[in-house]
Structure formats: C-alpha cells, structure tokens
Amino acid sequence: MFHSLKGAGFKANYRDDETGEEYWISGCKKNGGDTLYGGTIEIDDDVRAEYWLTIRKMPEMRDLTSIRSAGKYSR
C-alpha cells in the first residue's frame, strides 16, 4: 500500500509501506505529461481504451501501447 509523503519527499510523493521505497505517482494528464521527467509511458491493456478515448480524447491512437512523455519539468 502507498501513503502520501505530503510534500516531504525528494522527487517522490508516495512511499511503499512494505519496502519503504519512494515513488512519484501521477494521474493521467490530457496533454500526456504523465511523468516527472521525460520517459516512456507503458499503457496497460486493461485501461488502454479509457486512456485514449476518455482521458486523452484521441481515439485514433487507441492501439498504441506506449508513448514518450516530455515530463513535468521539461518546460
């Protein structure tokens, strides 16, 4: 289970209770900037339709399983 670091993390906003590892967990963004830093986003099969149709509103992309994200701090 993950718990929020409530702003106390360094490049992380959640901690795994079992391992103590810290992660940056982000919600999906309409513009695709889903990562903290640039990288590849893997889109799980069970949510791919919702991601492309509902969140991104790009039905023509619905078969893509991964995309590149510029990241939150690329600007």
Protein backbone atom coordinates (compact mmCIF):
# COMPACT_ATOMS: atom_id res chain seq x y z
CA MET A 1 0.00 0.00 0.00
CA PHE A 2 1.20 3.53 -0.75
CA HIS A 3 0.99 6.50 1.59
CA SER A 4 1.40 10.15 0.69
CA LEU A 5 4.59 11.91 1.77
CA LYS A 6 2.52 15.13 1.91
CA GLY A 7 5.23 17.24 0.31
CA ALA A 8 8.07 15.82 2.41
CA GLY A 9 9.58 13.62 -0.32
CA PHE A 10 12.52 14.42 -2.58
CA LYS A 11 11.43 13.71 -6.16
CA ALA A 12 8.76 11.44 -4.68
CA ASN A 13 5.25 11.91 -3.40
CA TYR A 14 4.40 8.41 -2.10
CA ARG A 15 6.12 5.66 -0.08
CA ASP A 16 5.51 1.93 -0.31
CA ASP A 17 4.68 0.72 3.22
CA GLU A 18 6.23 -2.72 2.70
CA THR A 19 9.54 -1.77 1.07
CA GLY A 20 9.99 1.85 2.14
CA GLU A 21 10.73 2.77 -1.49
CA GLU A 22 9.57 6.20 -2.62
CA TYR A 23 7.79 6.85 -5.91
CA TRP A 24 6.43 9.70 -7.96
CA ILE A 25 2.80 8.73 -8.68
CA SER A 26 0.93 10.94 -11.11
CA GLY A 27 -2.54 10.89 -12.52
CA CYS A 28 -3.02 10.77 -16.26
CA LYS A 29 -2.83 14.16 -17.94
CA LYS A 30 -4.78 15.24 -21.00
CA ASN A 31 -1.56 16.57 -22.58
CA GLY A 32 0.40 13.33 -21.98
CA GLY A 33 2.81 14.89 -19.46
CA ASP A 34 2.31 11.93 -17.15
CA THR A 35 5.93 11.58 -15.94
CA LEU A 36 8.06 13.65 -13.60
CA TYR A 37 10.95 13.53 -16.07
CA GLY A 38 10.96 12.51 -19.71
CA GLY A 39 10.43 8.85 -20.40
CA THR A 40 8.29 6.15 -21.90
CA ILE A 41 4.80 5.51 -20.61
CA GLU A 42 3.56 1.91 -20.90
CA ILE A 43 -0.23 1.72 -21.17
CA ASP A 44 -1.76 -1.46 -19.73
CA ASP A 45 -4.13 -3.38 -21.97
CA ASP A 46 -6.97 -3.21 -19.44
CA VAL A 47 -7.01 0.62 -19.40
CA ARG A 48 -5.82 1.49 -22.90
CA ALA A 49 -9.27 2.26 -24.32
CA GLU A 50 -10.15 4.52 -21.39
CA TYR A 51 -6.75 6.30 -21.58
CA TRP A 52 -7.03 7.13 -25.28
CA LEU A 53 -10.79 7.67 -25.54
CA THR A 54 -11.73 9.29 -22.21
CA ILE A 55 -8.58 10.92 -20.83
CA ARG A 56 -6.61 11.92 -23.93
CA LYS A 57 -9.61 12.17 -26.30
CA MET A 58 -7.50 10.71 -29.12
CA PRO A 59 -9.42 7.65 -30.37
CA GLU A 60 -7.14 7.32 -33.39
CA MET A 61 -4.29 6.36 -31.01
CA ARG A 62 -6.20 3.61 -29.17
CA ASP A 63 -3.91 0.83 -30.43
CA LEU A 64 -0.70 2.39 -29.06
CA THR A 65 0.72 0.56 -26.05
CA SER A 66 3.39 3.15 -25.16
CA ILE A 67 4.23 6.81 -25.72
CA ARG A 68 7.05 9.20 -24.89
CA SER A 69 6.38 11.83 -22.24
CA ALA A 70 8.40 15.03 -22.05
CA GLY A 71 7.82 15.08 -18.29
CA LYS A 72 6.59 17.62 -15.80
CA TYR A 73 9.90 19.51 -15.69
CA SER A 74 10.62 19.66 -19.42
CA ARG A 75 9.28 23.19 -19.81
